[in-house]
Amino acid sequence: MARKIKKDGAPEPLPKARERLLDAAETLFARYGFNGVSARDIVKVAGVNLGSIPYYFGTKENLFKEVFYRRAIPLQAEREALLRQLQTATKRPALEDVLWALLEPVFRATRGNEAFRRLLGRASMDPTPEVQALLAEIYTPEFTVVPKVLRKICKGLPAKTFYWRLNCLYGVMLFVQADTGKIQTIAGEKFDTSQPDEALRQVISFLAAGLAAPVPGRKRRRGREARATSLRP
């Protein structure tokens, strides 16, 4: 492979083989899914030899996990930093502010990285046991911060209701981030879903209302009493 030449005439260093493998795997997994990509496909796109995957990752499964960890670990660190800032600023942060801290980093990161955005949506919807098992290894209860943080805020919700609402939250996040164009067939082509800040404002408003909604079957209360019952920081 020919090396690029900088303007000053010096050769531009080639990306490291490990990073090229991660980039190639991310692109291919996003396009074809985990089971639709072979190790040979990945090394061909990465421009490395077939032994590079065993050398750097051991298996294709480990490579898949490393593709996620490369993006997910910095996102988790940023979420935790934003949550610490909220806790320093106030003992009882608003639900909307907590949702912003949890969702803004991933919305921004996926909007700036088309391949990872598509991979996240595709893998999450992949029903094959192999892919679901890999995701379970990545997003362990200890690693995933969203359920833990929201459960502390939604202490007044019965467990069944909370997890249903958490399920809906994940569904909204994945669908909005996937940006499949489905809504344009209803709202028209001029309806723009490409701006992450606008998407966040709409999504957070919707999710906050859903999390704070009365519990199905429970007698409705009024005003502050109803909110305090369902959402106790």
Protein backbone atom coordinates (compact mmCIF):
# COMPACT_ATOMS: atom_id res chain seq x y z
CA MET A 1 0.00 0.00 0.00
CA ALA A 2 1.46 3.30 -1.02
CA ARG A 3 2.07 5.81 1.73
CA LYS A 4 0.51 9.24 1.46
CA ILE A 5 2.84 12.20 1.15
CA LYS A 6 2.38 15.30 3.27
CA LYS A 7 2.66 18.77 1.79
CA ASP A 8 6.15 19.14 3.25
CA GLY A 9 7.23 16.00 1.40
CA ALA A 10 7.45 13.76 4.47
CA PRO A 11 5.61 10.43 4.34
CA GLU A 12 2.38 10.30 6.34
CA PRO A 13 2.46 7.43 8.85
CA LEU A 14 -0.05 4.65 8.20
CA PRO A 15 -2.75 4.04 10.83
CA LYS A 16 -1.91 1.23 13.21
CA ALA A 17 -3.15 -2.19 12.20
CA ARG A 18 -5.28 -2.57 15.32
CA GLU A 19 -7.11 0.70 14.68
CA ARG A 20 -7.61 -0.18 11.02
CA LEU A 21 -9.16 -3.48 12.05
CA LEU A 22 -11.52 -1.71 14.46
CA ASP A 23 -12.52 0.84 11.82
CA ALA A 24 -13.08 -1.81 9.17
CA ALA A 25 -15.03 -4.07 11.53
CA GLU A 26 -17.24 -1.20 12.68
CA THR A 27 -18.11 -0.27 9.10
CA LEU A 28 -18.76 -3.85 7.98
CA PHE A 29 -20.71 -4.91 11.08
CA ALA A 30 -22.89 -1.81 10.67
CA ARG A 31 -23.56 -2.61 7.03
CA TYR A 32 -23.98 -6.39 7.08
CA GLY A 33 -24.36 -7.43 10.72
CA PHE A 34 -22.09 -9.63 12.80
CA ASN A 35 -23.06 -12.85 11.05
CA GLY A 36 -22.82 -11.31 7.59
CA VAL A 37 -19.13 -10.50 7.88
CA SER A 38 -16.18 -12.87 7.85
CA ALA A 39 -12.69 -12.37 9.23
CA ARG A 40 -11.40 -12.31 5.65
CA ASP A 41 -13.81 -9.48 4.81
CA ILE A 42 -12.49 -7.42 7.72
CA VAL A 43 -8.78 -7.90 7.04
CA LYS A 44 -9.32 -7.15 3.35
CA VAL A 45 -10.92 -3.79 4.11
CA ALA A 46 -8.36 -3.05 6.84
CA GLY A 47 -5.46 -3.87 4.52
CA VAL A 48 -3.78 -6.28 6.95
CA ASN A 49 -3.02 -9.99 6.92
CA LEU A 50 -5.42 -12.67 8.16
CA GLY A 51 -3.36 -13.35 11.27
CA SER A 52 -3.96 -9.82 12.57
CA ILE A 53 -7.35 -10.60 14.12
CA PRO A 54 -6.07 -13.54 16.21
CA TYR A 55 -2.98 -11.52 17.13
CA TYR A 56 -4.80 -8.41 18.35
CA PHE A 57 -8.20 -9.75 19.43
CA GLY A 58 -8.14 -13.54 19.49
CA THR A 59 -11.53 -14.04 17.83
CA LYS A 60 -14.06 -12.20 15.70
CA GLU A 61 -16.35 -12.14 18.75
CA ASN A 62 -13.72 -10.29 20.78
CA LEU A 63 -13.19 -7.87 17.92
CA PHE A 64 -16.93 -7.18 17.89
CA LYS A 65 -16.86 -6.40 21.61
CA GLU A 66 -13.82 -4.15 21.25
CA VAL A 67 -15.60 -2.16 18.53
CA PHE A 68 -18.31 -1.38 21.08
CA TYR A 69 -15.95 -0.79 24.01
CA ARG A 70 -13.97 1.74 21.97
CA ARG A 71 -17.07 3.94 21.77
CA ALA A 72 -19.00 2.92 24.88
CA ILE A 73 -16.31 3.41 27.54
CA PRO A 74 -15.69 7.11 26.75
CA LEU A 75 -19.46 7.66 26.58
CA GLN A 76 -19.96 6.14 30.01
CA ALA A 77 -17.15 8.28 31.43
CA GLU A 78 -18.73 11.41 29.98
CA ARG A 79 -22.16 10.50 31.35
CA GLU A 80 -20.72 9.96 34.81
CA ALA A 81 -18.89 13.29 34.66
CA LEU A 82 -22.09 15.13 33.70
CA LEU A 83 -24.01 13.40 36.49
CA ARG A 84 -21.34 14.40 39.02
CA GLN A 85 -21.67 18.01 37.86
CA LEU A 86 -25.44 17.82 38.41
CA GLN A 87 -25.02 16.33 41.88
CA THR A 88 -22.54 19.06 42.79
CA ALA A 89 -24.90 21.77 41.58
CA THR A 90 -28.01 20.47 43.34
CA LYS A 91 -29.00 17.64 45.67
CA ARG A 92 -32.22 16.99 43.72
CA PRO A 93 -31.60 17.48 39.99
CA ALA A 94 -34.59 17.72 37.70
CA LEU A 95 -35.50 14.58 35.78
CA GLU A 96 -35.02 16.43 32.49
CA ASP A 97 -31.46 17.41 33.48
CA VAL A 98 -30.62 13.82 34.43
CA LEU A 99 -31.98 12.55 31.12
CA TRP A 100 -29.88 15.14 29.28
CA ALA A 101 -26.72 13.97 31.07
CA LEU A 102 -27.52 10.36 30.20
CA LEU A 103 -28.56 10.85 26.59
CA GLU A 104 -26.64 13.83 25.21
CA PRO A 105 -23.23 12.10 24.98
CA VAL A 106 -24.57 9.12 23.01
CA PHE A 107 -26.76 11.24 20.72
CA ARG A 108 -23.82 13.50 19.88
CA ALA A 109 -21.40 10.61 19.40
CA THR A 110 -23.69 8.59 17.16
CA ARG A 111 -24.67 11.61 15.04
CA GLY A 112 -20.98 12.21 14.42
CA ASN A 113 -20.28 8.58 13.58
CA GLU A 114 -22.62 7.11 11.00
CA ALA A 115 -21.12 3.62 11.21
CA PHE A 116 -21.44 3.30 14.98
CA ARG A 117 -24.97 4.74 14.92
CA ARG A 118 -26.05 2.11 12.40
CA LEU A 119 -24.17 -0.64 14.23
CA LEU A 120 -25.79 0.22 17.56
CA GLY A 121 -29.26 0.12 16.05
CA ARG A 122 -28.64 -3.01 13.99
CA ALA A 123 -27.03 -5.00 16.78
CA SER A 124 -29.71 -4.02 19.30
CA MET A 125 -32.42 -5.28 16.95
CA ASP A 126 -30.55 -8.44 15.92
CA PRO A 127 -32.53 -11.41 17.32
CA THR A 128 -29.80 -14.02 16.88
CA PRO A 129 -28.70 -15.55 20.21
CA GLU A 130 -25.03 -15.10 19.31
CA VAL A 131 -25.29 -11.32 18.94
CA GLN A 132 -27.56 -10.90 21.94
CA ALA A 133 -25.10 -12.90 24.06
CA LEU A 134 -22.24 -10.63 22.94
CA LEU A 135 -24.24 -7.50 23.79
CA ALA A 136 -25.07 -8.95 27.20
CA GLU A 137 -21.34 -9.42 27.81
CA ILE A 138 -20.69 -5.79 26.84
CA TYR A 139 -23.58 -4.02 28.54
CA THR A 140 -23.51 -5.72 31.92
CA PRO A 141 -25.57 -4.31 34.83
CA GLU A 142 -22.32 -3.05 36.36
CA PHE A 143 -21.31 -1.25 33.15
CA THR A 144 -24.68 0.25 32.21
CA VAL A 145 -25.39 3.46 34.12
CA VAL A 146 -28.83 4.45 32.72
CA PRO A 147 -31.02 1.94 34.65
CA LYS A 148 -29.22 2.56 37.95
CA VAL A 149 -29.51 6.34 37.77
CA LEU A 150 -33.14 6.39 36.65
CA ARG A 151 -34.16 3.82 39.26
CA LYS A 152 -32.88 6.11 42.01
CA ILE A 153 -35.04 8.94 40.68
CA CYS A 154 -38.09 6.76 40.04
CA LYS A 155 -38.13 5.14 43.46
CA GLY A 156 -41.89 5.51 43.73
CA LEU A 157 -42.58 3.38 40.66
CA PRO A 158 -43.31 -0.33 41.09
CA ALA A 159 -40.54 -2.44 39.58
CA LYS A 160 -42.75 -3.76 36.79
CA THR A 161 -43.82 -0.26 35.77
CA PHE A 162 -40.27 1.09 35.94
CA TYR A 163 -38.84 -1.62 33.70
CA TRP A 164 -41.66 -1.21 31.18
CA ARG A 165 -40.85 2.49 31.01
CA LEU A 166 -37.15 1.75 30.74
CA ASN A 167 -37.97 -0.60 27.86
CA CYS A 168 -39.88 2.21 26.15
CA LEU A 169 -36.99 4.61 26.77
CA TYR A 170 -34.55 2.30 25.00
CA GLY A 171 -37.00 1.83 22.14
CA VAL A 172 -37.33 5.59 21.62
CA MET A 173 -33.57 6.11 21.80
CA LEU A 174 -32.80 3.43 19.26
CA PHE A 175 -35.52 4.44 16.81
CA VAL A 176 -34.66 8.15 16.90
CA GLN A 177 -30.94 7.50 16.56
CA ALA A 178 -31.48 5.04 13.71
CA ASP A 179 -33.12 7.88 11.74
CA THR A 180 -34.45 5.46 9.12
CA GLY A 181 -36.49 8.10 7.29
CA LYS A 182 -39.77 6.40 8.20
CA ILE A 183 -41.22 9.57 9.74
CA GLN A 184 -40.58 11.51 6.51
CA THR A 185 -43.06 9.26 4.72
CA ILE A 186 -45.68 10.61 7.12
CA ALA A 187 -44.55 14.17 7.89
CA GLY A 188 -42.98 14.96 4.53
CA GLU A 189 -39.41 15.22 3.29
CA LYS A 190 -38.89 18.66 4.85
CA PHE A 191 -39.27 17.23 8.35
CA ASP A 192 -35.67 17.32 9.64
CA THR A 193 -34.49 14.76 12.20
CA SER A 194 -30.77 15.29 11.62
CA GLN A 195 -30.13 17.86 14.38
CA PRO A 196 -29.10 16.14 17.63
CA ASP A 197 -29.94 19.10 19.90
CA GLU A 198 -33.48 19.34 18.56
CA ALA A 199 -33.87 15.56 18.75
CA LEU A 200 -32.73 15.61 22.37
CA ARG A 201 -35.13 18.37 23.36
CA GLN A 202 -38.07 16.50 21.87
CA VAL A 203 -37.03 13.09 23.17
CA ILE A 204 -36.25 14.28 26.70
CA SER A 205 -39.56 16.12 26.99
CA PHE A 206 -41.38 12.98 25.84
CA LEU A 207 -39.44 10.59 28.09
CA ALA A 208 -39.70 12.79 31.17
CA ALA A 209 -43.48 12.90 30.77
CA GLY A 210 -43.59 9.13 30.31
CA LEU A 211 -41.46 8.39 33.37
CA ALA A 212 -43.54 10.76 35.51
CA ALA A 213 -46.91 9.50 34.27
CA PRO A 214 -49.37 7.96 36.76
CA VAL A 215 -48.98 4.25 37.40
CA PRO A 216 -51.59 2.26 35.43
CA GLY A 217 -54.34 1.06 37.72
CA ARG A 218 -53.31 3.30 40.60
CA LYS A 219 -55.78 5.93 41.78
CA ARG A 220 -54.68 9.28 40.40
CA ARG A 221 -53.52 12.01 42.73
CA ARG A 222 -53.20 15.67 42.02
CA GLY A 223 -50.36 18.14 41.58
CA ARG A 224 -47.16 17.80 43.54
CA GLU A 225 -48.44 14.80 45.48
CA ALA A 226 -48.76 12.70 42.30
CA ARG A 227 -45.26 13.64 41.13
CA ALA A 228 -43.72 12.93 44.53
CA THR A 229 -45.38 9.51 44.60
CA SER A 230 -43.99 8.38 41.25
CA LEU A 231 -40.63 10.18 41.24
CA ARG A 232 -38.75 10.33 44.50
CA PRO A 233 -35.11 11.41 44.10
